Amino acid sequence: MHLTNVELGIRISLCGIVYSRVYMPMSAVKQLPPVGRIQGCSLTLHPNPKEASVELQYTDHKGEWYEMQMPVLDALYLLNLLKKLSSENGYDHLLNDPKKN
C-alpha cells in the first residue's frame, strides 16, 4: 500500500478536517490505545529547549494506564493545532479543566 503525504494546511477529508501534515490512509499508521481520559502530564526540563520533553499519561476505557513522551516543541505545536481546531469548529466553549466535568 502506497502512503501519500497530505500537504501542509487544512484539508477536508472523508473522516473530517485534517490539520497540518498527516499520512493517509490512517489505517496504515500504527495506532495508540484509545484514550478514555487524560490523567495528566509532566514536563522534563533541559537547558536546550529542543531536549525538553512532555510526558502525558492517560487511561483507556478499561482503566489501563498508558504514557507517551514527546519533545516540548512538538507538544506546543499540538497545542496550537488543537486551539485552531477548537476555534474553527465551535469548541471554544468547552475549553476548561476536564476534571471539573
Protein backbone atom coordinates (compact mmCIF):
# COMPACT_ATOMS: atom_id res chain seq x y z
CA MET A 1 0.00 0.00 0.00
CA HIS A 2 1.36 3.38 -1.01
CA LEU A 3 1.03 6.22 1.52
CA THR A 4 0.58 9.73 0.24
CA ASN A 5 1.73 12.78 2.15
CA VAL A 6 -1.00 15.39 2.59
CA GLU A 7 0.21 18.94 2.06
CA LEU A 8 0.52 21.36 4.98
CA GLY A 9 -2.64 23.28 5.77
CA ILE A 10 -6.26 22.45 6.34
CA ARG A 11 -7.97 19.90 4.19
CA ILE A 12 -11.40 18.28 4.31
CA SER A 13 -11.21 14.50 4.14
CA LEU A 14 -13.82 11.77 4.29
CA CYS A 15 -13.17 11.44 8.03
CA GLY A 16 -13.35 15.18 8.81
CA ILE A 17 -11.00 18.15 8.82
CA VAL A 18 -7.28 17.43 8.77
CA TYR A 19 -4.92 19.99 10.26
CA SER A 20 -1.28 20.13 9.21
CA ARG A 21 0.52 17.07 7.84
CA VAL A 22 -0.88 13.55 8.07
CA TYR A 23 -0.25 10.33 6.21
CA MET A 24 -3.17 8.67 4.53
CA PRO A 25 -4.74 6.22 4.78
CA MET A 26 -4.92 6.49 8.56
CA SER A 27 -5.46 2.72 8.80
CA ALA A 28 -1.84 2.22 7.72
CA VAL A 29 -0.49 4.22 10.69
CA LYS A 30 0.26 2.41 13.97
CA GLN A 31 -2.50 3.22 16.45
CA LEU A 32 -2.02 4.02 20.15
CA PRO A 33 -4.63 2.58 22.52
CA PRO A 34 -7.76 4.79 22.54
CA VAL A 35 -7.92 7.44 25.26
CA GLY A 36 -10.63 7.12 27.86
CA ARG A 37 -9.41 10.04 29.97
CA ILE A 38 -6.27 12.20 30.01
CA GLN A 39 -4.91 11.87 33.56
CA GLY A 40 -2.13 14.46 33.47
CA CYS A 41 1.23 15.45 32.10
CA SER A 42 4.66 16.40 33.33
CA LEU A 43 7.49 18.48 31.94
CA THR A 44 11.10 17.34 31.90
CA LEU A 45 13.24 20.46 31.68
CA HIS A 46 16.54 20.74 29.83
CA PRO A 47 18.85 23.75 29.23
CA ASN A 48 18.30 23.23 25.50
CA PRO A 49 14.55 23.65 24.75
CA LYS A 50 14.85 21.12 21.92
CA GLU A 51 15.76 18.49 24.52
CA ALA A 52 12.91 19.24 26.96
CA SER A 53 10.02 16.77 26.89
CA VAL A 54 6.41 16.34 27.95
CA GLU A 55 5.15 13.06 29.36
CA LEU A 56 1.42 12.51 29.00
CA GLN A 57 -0.42 9.83 30.98
CA TYR A 58 -3.86 8.57 30.10
CA THR A 59 -6.19 5.69 30.84
CA ASP A 60 -8.16 3.74 28.28
CA HIS A 61 -11.85 2.89 28.62
CA LYS A 62 -10.94 -0.15 30.76
CA GLY A 63 -8.87 1.94 33.16
CA GLU A 64 -5.43 0.72 31.97
CA TRP A 65 -2.71 3.38 32.19
CA TYR A 66 -0.51 4.47 29.28
CA GLU A 67 2.21 7.05 28.87
CA MET A 68 3.60 8.80 25.84
CA GLN A 69 6.52 11.17 25.62
CA MET A 70 7.15 13.93 23.11
CA PRO A 71 9.52 16.87 22.75
CA VAL A 72 8.08 20.02 24.33
CA LEU A 73 8.25 21.82 20.97
CA ASP A 74 6.01 19.14 19.43
CA ALA A 75 3.66 19.33 22.42
CA LEU A 76 3.33 23.10 21.88
CA TYR A 77 2.75 22.52 18.17
CA LEU A 78 -0.02 20.05 19.09
CA LEU A 79 -1.48 22.65 21.44
CA ASN A 80 -1.60 25.18 18.59
CA LEU A 81 -3.26 22.64 16.28
CA LEU A 82 -5.89 21.88 18.95
CA LYS A 83 -6.55 25.59 19.52
CA LYS A 84 -7.09 26.07 15.77
CA LEU A 85 -9.37 23.03 15.63
CA SER A 86 -11.33 24.36 18.61
CA SER A 87 -11.77 27.90 17.35
CA GLU A 88 -12.69 26.92 13.80
CA ASN A 89 -15.22 24.27 14.79
CA GLY A 90 -17.10 25.91 17.66
CA TYR A 91 -15.50 24.05 20.56
CA ASP A 92 -14.02 27.06 22.38
CA HIS A 93 -16.82 26.98 24.97
CA LEU A 94 -15.56 23.54 26.02
CA LEU A 95 -12.06 24.76 26.91
CA ASN A 96 -11.92 24.07 30.63
CA ASP A 97 -10.45 21.55 33.05
CA PRO A 98 -11.93 18.14 32.09
CA LYS A 99 -11.62 17.03 35.73
CA LYS A 100 -14.32 19.58 36.65
CA ASN A 101 -16.90 17.98 34.32
